[in-house]
Amino acid sequence: MSKAYKQVPFAAIVPSPKTENEGMVTGNWRYLRPVVDKSLCTKCKTCWIFCPDACVNYSKDDGISFNLKYCKGCGLCSNVCPVGAISRQPELDFEE
């Protein structure tokens, strides 16, 4: 257990990870990760709005990216994507 996790009181509201927040780090238990097909993405930001962990980053130039340090792999982003640009793939398919 990390030291930052111990500092969060029980049932506390944890701030969004706009800045680094070690209390919200996923760890190594996520088994599916979101992957965006940038050729399909319309940059509608629906995934950004629905992500409960605020791990979807958006920039005008690059579009959507995921901060996997905070992603729990819940799949909401892929479920709400109106064009099916986000898929979930097994963590074992990636080396990082």
N, C-alpha and C. Protein backbone atom coordinates (compact mmCIF):
# COMPACT_ATOMS: atom_id res chain seq x y z
N MET A 1 0.84 -1.17 0.00
CA MET A 1 0.00 0.00 0.00
C MET A 1 0.89 1.24 0.00
N SER A 2 0.56 2.18 -0.88
CA SER A 2 1.40 3.36 -0.96
C SER A 2 1.11 4.32 0.19
N LYS A 3 2.06 5.15 0.46
CA LYS A 3 1.91 6.12 1.54
C LYS A 3 0.78 7.10 1.23
N ALA A 4 0.63 7.51 -0.04
CA ALA A 4 -0.41 8.46 -0.41
C ALA A 4 -1.79 7.88 -0.15
N TYR A 5 -1.96 6.57 -0.41
CA TYR A 5 -3.25 5.94 -0.18
C TYR A 5 -3.63 6.01 1.29
N LYS A 6 -2.67 5.80 2.14
CA LYS A 6 -2.94 5.82 3.58
C LYS A 6 -3.32 7.20 4.07
N GLN A 7 -2.93 8.25 3.33
CA GLN A 7 -3.23 9.61 3.76
C GLN A 7 -4.66 10.01 3.43
N VAL A 8 -5.33 9.26 2.56
CA VAL A 8 -6.71 9.58 2.19
C VAL A 8 -7.64 9.00 3.25
N PRO A 9 -8.45 9.84 3.91
CA PRO A 9 -9.36 9.32 4.92
C PRO A 9 -10.44 8.45 4.31
N PHE A 10 -10.98 7.53 5.06
CA PHE A 10 -12.03 6.64 4.59
C PHE A 10 -13.21 7.45 4.07
N ALA A 11 -13.73 7.06 2.90
CA ALA A 11 -14.88 7.69 2.25
C ALA A 11 -14.62 9.15 1.87
N ALA A 12 -13.39 9.50 1.70
CA ALA A 12 -13.07 10.86 1.29
C ALA A 12 -13.29 11.02 -0.21
N ILE A 13 -13.51 12.22 -0.62
CA ILE A 13 -13.59 12.52 -2.04
C ILE A 13 -12.18 12.82 -2.51
N VAL A 14 -11.75 12.07 -3.51
CA VAL A 14 -10.39 12.20 -4.01
C VAL A 14 -10.40 13.16 -5.19
N PRO A 15 -9.55 14.16 -5.20
CA PRO A 15 -9.53 15.12 -6.31
C PRO A 15 -9.19 14.45 -7.64
N SER A 16 -9.68 15.04 -8.71
CA SER A 16 -9.38 14.55 -10.06
C SER A 16 -7.88 14.60 -10.31
N PRO A 17 -7.36 13.63 -11.07
CA PRO A 17 -5.92 13.62 -11.31
C PRO A 17 -5.48 14.60 -12.40
N LYS A 18 -5.99 15.83 -12.36
CA LYS A 18 -5.49 16.85 -13.29
C LYS A 18 -4.01 17.08 -13.02
N THR A 19 -3.69 16.99 -11.77
CA THR A 19 -2.29 16.99 -11.38
C THR A 19 -2.01 15.59 -10.83
N GLU A 20 -0.81 15.23 -10.70
CA GLU A 20 -0.48 13.90 -10.21
C GLU A 20 -1.07 13.68 -8.82
N ASN A 21 -1.83 12.62 -8.67
CA ASN A 21 -2.43 12.26 -7.40
C ASN A 21 -2.16 10.78 -7.16
N GLU A 22 -1.18 10.49 -6.38
CA GLU A 22 -0.77 9.10 -6.14
C GLU A 22 -1.86 8.27 -5.48
N GLY A 23 -2.86 8.93 -4.88
CA GLY A 23 -3.96 8.20 -4.26
C GLY A 23 -4.88 7.54 -5.25
N MET A 24 -4.78 7.90 -6.54
CA MET A 24 -5.67 7.35 -7.56
C MET A 24 -4.96 6.46 -8.57
N VAL A 25 -3.73 6.11 -8.32
CA VAL A 25 -2.99 5.27 -9.24
C VAL A 25 -3.61 3.88 -9.27
N THR A 26 -3.79 3.34 -10.48
CA THR A 26 -4.45 2.06 -10.65
C THR A 26 -3.64 0.89 -10.10
N GLY A 27 -2.37 0.88 -10.32
CA GLY A 27 -1.57 -0.26 -9.95
C GLY A 27 -1.47 -1.22 -11.12
N ASN A 28 -1.30 -2.49 -10.87
CA ASN A 28 -1.12 -3.44 -11.97
C ASN A 28 -2.29 -4.41 -12.10
N TRP A 29 -3.46 -4.06 -11.64
CA TRP A 29 -4.57 -5.00 -11.66
C TRP A 29 -5.52 -4.80 -12.84
N ARG A 30 -5.38 -3.73 -13.63
CA ARG A 30 -6.26 -3.53 -14.78
C ARG A 30 -5.95 -4.60 -15.82
N TYR A 31 -6.94 -5.30 -16.35
CA TYR A 31 -6.67 -6.35 -17.34
C TYR A 31 -7.07 -5.96 -18.75
N LEU A 32 -7.83 -4.87 -18.91
CA LEU A 32 -8.15 -4.34 -20.23
C LEU A 32 -7.81 -2.87 -20.25
N ARG A 33 -7.23 -2.41 -21.35
CA ARG A 33 -6.91 -0.99 -21.46
C ARG A 33 -7.61 -0.40 -22.69
N PRO A 34 -7.99 0.90 -22.59
CA PRO A 34 -8.63 1.53 -23.74
C PRO A 34 -7.59 1.88 -24.81
N VAL A 35 -8.00 1.66 -26.04
CA VAL A 35 -7.15 2.00 -27.19
C VAL A 35 -8.02 2.76 -28.17
N VAL A 36 -7.55 3.94 -28.58
CA VAL A 36 -8.36 4.77 -29.49
C VAL A 36 -7.83 4.64 -30.91
N ASP A 37 -8.76 4.47 -31.84
CA ASP A 37 -8.44 4.49 -33.27
C ASP A 37 -8.61 5.93 -33.73
N LYS A 38 -7.51 6.64 -33.89
CA LYS A 38 -7.57 8.07 -34.19
C LYS A 38 -8.17 8.37 -35.55
N SER A 39 -8.20 7.37 -36.43
CA SER A 39 -8.83 7.60 -37.74
C SER A 39 -10.35 7.63 -37.63
N LEU A 40 -10.90 7.02 -36.58
CA LEU A 40 -12.36 7.03 -36.37
C LEU A 40 -12.81 8.12 -35.41
N CYS A 41 -11.93 8.55 -34.52
CA CYS A 41 -12.30 9.49 -33.46
C CYS A 41 -12.72 10.84 -34.06
N THR A 42 -13.88 11.33 -33.60
CA THR A 42 -14.39 12.62 -34.07
C THR A 42 -14.06 13.74 -33.08
N LYS A 43 -13.35 13.43 -32.00
CA LYS A 43 -12.97 14.40 -30.97
C LYS A 43 -14.20 15.05 -30.33
N CYS A 44 -15.24 14.25 -30.12
CA CYS A 44 -16.48 14.76 -29.53
C CYS A 44 -16.37 14.95 -28.02
N LYS A 45 -15.38 14.37 -27.39
CA LYS A 45 -15.10 14.47 -25.96
C LYS A 45 -16.11 13.74 -25.08
N THR A 46 -16.95 12.89 -25.65
CA THR A 46 -17.91 12.14 -24.84
C THR A 46 -17.18 11.25 -23.83
N CYS A 47 -16.12 10.60 -24.25
CA CYS A 47 -15.35 9.75 -23.34
C CYS A 47 -14.71 10.58 -22.23
N TRP A 48 -14.27 11.75 -22.57
CA TRP A 48 -13.67 12.66 -21.58
C TRP A 48 -14.70 13.05 -20.51
N ILE A 49 -15.93 13.28 -20.94
CA ILE A 49 -16.99 13.66 -20.01
C ILE A 49 -17.36 12.51 -19.09
N PHE A 50 -17.43 11.29 -19.61
CA PHE A 50 -17.94 10.16 -18.83
C PHE A 50 -16.87 9.45 -17.99
N CYS A 51 -15.61 9.67 -18.25
CA CYS A 51 -14.57 8.94 -17.52
C CYS A 51 -14.62 9.27 -16.02
N PRO A 52 -14.90 8.27 -15.18
CA PRO A 52 -15.00 8.54 -13.73
C PRO A 52 -13.64 8.81 -13.08
N ASP A 53 -12.58 8.44 -13.76
CA ASP A 53 -11.24 8.63 -13.19
C ASP A 53 -10.50 9.81 -13.81
N ALA A 54 -11.17 10.53 -14.71
CA ALA A 54 -10.57 11.70 -15.37
C ALA A 54 -9.22 11.36 -15.99
N CYS A 55 -9.13 10.19 -16.59
CA CYS A 55 -7.85 9.80 -17.19
C CYS A 55 -7.81 10.01 -18.70
N VAL A 56 -8.88 10.59 -19.27
CA VAL A 56 -8.89 10.89 -20.70
C VAL A 56 -8.36 12.30 -20.89
N ASN A 57 -7.33 12.41 -21.69
CA ASN A 57 -6.75 13.72 -22.00
C ASN A 57 -7.16 14.10 -23.42
N TYR A 58 -7.37 15.38 -23.61
CA TYR A 58 -7.77 15.86 -24.94
C TYR A 58 -6.90 17.04 -25.34
N SER A 59 -6.42 17.02 -26.56
CA SER A 59 -5.73 18.18 -27.11
C SER A 59 -6.20 18.36 -28.55
N LYS A 60 -6.24 19.58 -29.00
CA LYS A 60 -6.73 19.87 -30.35
C LYS A 60 -5.87 19.20 -31.41
N ASP A 61 -4.59 19.10 -31.16
CA ASP A 61 -3.68 18.53 -32.15
C ASP A 61 -3.69 17.01 -32.16
N ASP A 62 -3.60 16.41 -30.97
CA ASP A 62 -3.46 14.95 -30.88
C ASP A 62 -4.79 14.24 -30.65
N GLY A 63 -5.83 14.96 -30.26
CA GLY A 63 -7.11 14.32 -29.97
C GLY A 63 -7.12 13.68 -28.60
N ILE A 64 -7.65 12.47 -28.54
CA ILE A 64 -7.84 11.77 -27.27
C ILE A 64 -6.61 10.90 -26.96
N SER A 65 -6.21 10.93 -25.69
CA SER A 65 -5.21 9.99 -25.20
C SER A 65 -5.61 9.62 -23.78
N PHE A 66 -5.03 8.55 -23.28
CA PHE A 66 -5.40 8.06 -21.96
C PHE A 66 -4.21 8.10 -21.03
N ASN A 67 -4.41 8.57 -19.82
CA ASN A 67 -3.39 8.49 -18.79
C ASN A 67 -3.60 7.15 -18.09
N LEU A 68 -2.88 6.16 -18.53
CA LEU A 68 -3.09 4.80 -18.04
C LEU A 68 -2.67 4.62 -16.60
N LYS A 69 -1.98 5.58 -16.07
CA LYS A 69 -1.59 5.52 -14.66
C LYS A 69 -2.84 5.54 -13.77
N TYR A 70 -3.91 6.19 -14.26
CA TYR A 70 -5.13 6.33 -13.47
C TYR A 70 -6.31 5.52 -14.01
N CYS A 71 -6.20 4.99 -15.21
CA CYS A 71 -7.31 4.24 -15.82
C CYS A 71 -7.55 2.94 -15.06
N LYS A 72 -8.82 2.69 -14.72
CA LYS A 72 -9.19 1.46 -14.02
C LYS A 72 -9.67 0.38 -14.99
N GLY A 73 -9.81 0.75 -16.27
CA GLY A 73 -10.26 -0.22 -17.27
C GLY A 73 -11.74 -0.53 -17.19
N CYS A 74 -12.53 0.41 -16.72
CA CYS A 74 -13.97 0.16 -16.53
C CYS A 74 -14.72 0.02 -17.85
N GLY A 75 -14.24 0.65 -18.92
CA GLY A 75 -14.87 0.51 -20.22
C GLY A 75 -15.95 1.53 -20.53
N LEU A 76 -16.21 2.46 -19.62
CA LEU A 76 -17.22 3.49 -19.91
C LEU A 76 -16.88 4.26 -21.17
N CYS A 77 -15.62 4.58 -21.36
CA CYS A 77 -15.21 5.35 -22.54
C CYS A 77 -15.56 4.63 -23.83
N SER A 78 -15.32 3.33 -23.88
CA SER A 78 -15.65 2.59 -25.10
C SER A 78 -17.15 2.39 -25.25
N ASN A 79 -17.86 2.29 -24.13
CA ASN A 79 -19.32 2.12 -24.20
C ASN A 79 -20.03 3.38 -24.68
N VAL A 80 -19.51 4.56 -24.34
CA VAL A 80 -20.20 5.81 -24.72
C VAL A 80 -19.69 6.40 -26.02
N CYS A 81 -18.62 5.88 -26.58
CA CYS A 81 -18.09 6.42 -27.82
C CYS A 81 -19.11 6.23 -28.95
N PRO A 82 -19.59 7.33 -29.55
CA PRO A 82 -20.66 7.21 -30.55
C PRO A 82 -20.21 6.60 -31.87
N VAL A 83 -18.91 6.58 -32.14
CA VAL A 83 -18.44 6.05 -33.42
C VAL A 83 -17.62 4.77 -33.27
N GLY A 84 -17.50 4.26 -32.05
CA GLY A 84 -16.77 3.02 -31.83
C GLY A 84 -15.26 3.16 -32.04
N ALA A 85 -14.74 4.33 -31.75
CA ALA A 85 -13.31 4.56 -31.95
C ALA A 85 -12.46 4.00 -30.81
N ILE A 86 -13.08 3.68 -29.68
CA ILE A 86 -12.33 3.20 -28.52
C ILE A 86 -12.65 1.72 -28.31
N SER A 87 -11.62 0.93 -28.26
CA SER A 87 -11.78 -0.49 -27.96
C SER A 87 -11.01 -0.81 -26.69
N ARG A 88 -11.26 -1.97 -26.13
CA ARG A 88 -10.56 -2.40 -24.93
C ARG A 88 -9.77 -3.64 -25.30
N GLN A 89 -8.48 -3.59 -25.00
CA GLN A 89 -7.61 -4.70 -25.36
C GLN A 89 -6.88 -5.22 -24.13
N PRO A 90 -6.59 -6.51 -24.11
CA PRO A 90 -5.93 -7.12 -22.93
C PRO A 90 -4.57 -6.48 -22.64
N GLU A 91 -4.31 -6.26 -21.38
CA GLU A 91 -3.03 -5.69 -20.94
C GLU A 91 -1.86 -6.56 -21.38
N LEU A 92 -2.08 -7.86 -21.48
CA LEU A 92 -0.99 -8.76 -21.84
C LEU A 92 -0.52 -8.56 -23.28
N ASP A 93 -1.31 -7.82 -24.08
CA ASP A 93 -0.90 -7.54 -25.46
C ASP A 93 0.12 -6.41 -25.54
N PHE A 94 0.40 -5.75 -24.42
CA PHE A 94 1.31 -4.60 -24.40
C PHE A 94 2.51 -4.92 -23.52
N GLU A 95 3.65 -4.40 -23.90
CA GLU A 95 4.86 -4.63 -23.11
C GLU A 95 5.03 -3.62 -22.00
N GLU A 96 4.47 -2.42 -22.16
CA GLU A 96 4.62 -1.38 -21.14
C GLU A 96 3.56 -1.49 -20.08
